[in-house]
Amino acid sequence: MELWYTEQHTDSVRFSIKVKEQLYNNKSEFQQIDVFDSEEFGKFFTLDGLMMLTEKDEFIYHDMIVHIPMATNPNIKNVLVIGAGDGGTIRELTRYKTIENIDMVEIDKLVVDVCKEYFPLTASQLEDPRVNIFYEDGLKFVRTKKDKYDLIIVDSTDPFGPGEGLFTKEFYGNCFNALNEDGILVNQHESPYYPTYANAMKRAHKRIKEFFPICRVYQAHIPTYPSGHWLFGFASKKIDPLGNVEIEKWNDLGLKTKYYNTNLHKGCFALPNYVMEMLASQDE
């Protein structure tokens, strides 16, 4: 008998991966957690039936959510990461010796424990001495922080269930306050392709623009995410990821990456017309 993981992307579209075996199945206080092994994508894990990470393509997401802001401002020293229980964002951040402190806020400890066991390469740097893990609600955590961080990365689930509060006007306003004067906010920005995801993307973009004077969107192709076309938001108080980027300084670091490079840095901000029209509609 064949076993397939199937995710409902829309009412009329499904995405399926043939599964070799299910490795883990449990429900935490917050969500359903499952880990599978597959021929094509290796091990992957889902939360409430939605794909979070696969061994084969996780590098794309983590390269793009980390190296875009770090190449824009290589002087970042103090970072807040909200979500990111799989550890991939932390892994990429710890490659920068100049970063002095990483606060990671994950609401569900079981996600971290499961990823440490089944995805050791992704979670490999969670024990780095610069990393402080707080098992609490990111929305509440950021409320009390003022002018503290150089960079906030919102590596959240979709705006449903535990991740819902991380797409609100209150949350983005608190992120603005928690950043210092050179601060950068980067968030996973959903897909522009299917209507439900596109609407979430537009709402988030509109709310971020209410606080940040510089607000851009960039893209990557992630095969196992809905439609494969995925967006990230870049917002800052005064640093432009196209105008201020320190390309040579980043290249001099000699970091070996599988997806990101400094030519791609500029190119990923060049968006298709239909996406630009969606974003422009939120300026009205």
Foldseek 3Di string as FASTA:
>chain_A
DWDKQWADLDPPDIDIFTFPAWDDWDADPFWTKTWTAGDPFGIFIDTNSATDDTNRFPQQVLCVLAVLVCLLPVQWAEEEEEACLLQQNVVVVVLRPNHQAYEYEHQTVVSNVVNVVPPVVRNVCCVPPRYDYHRRQPQVVLQPAAQAGQEYEYSADQLDTSCVSCQDLSSLVSVLRNHHQNHKYKYWQFACPDVVRVVSNLSSQLSNVVRFVDKAKFWDQGPRHVVRITMMIMGGNDGHSPPRGDQVVVVVSVDDGDHDHPVVSVVRRDDDPVSVVSNVVSVD
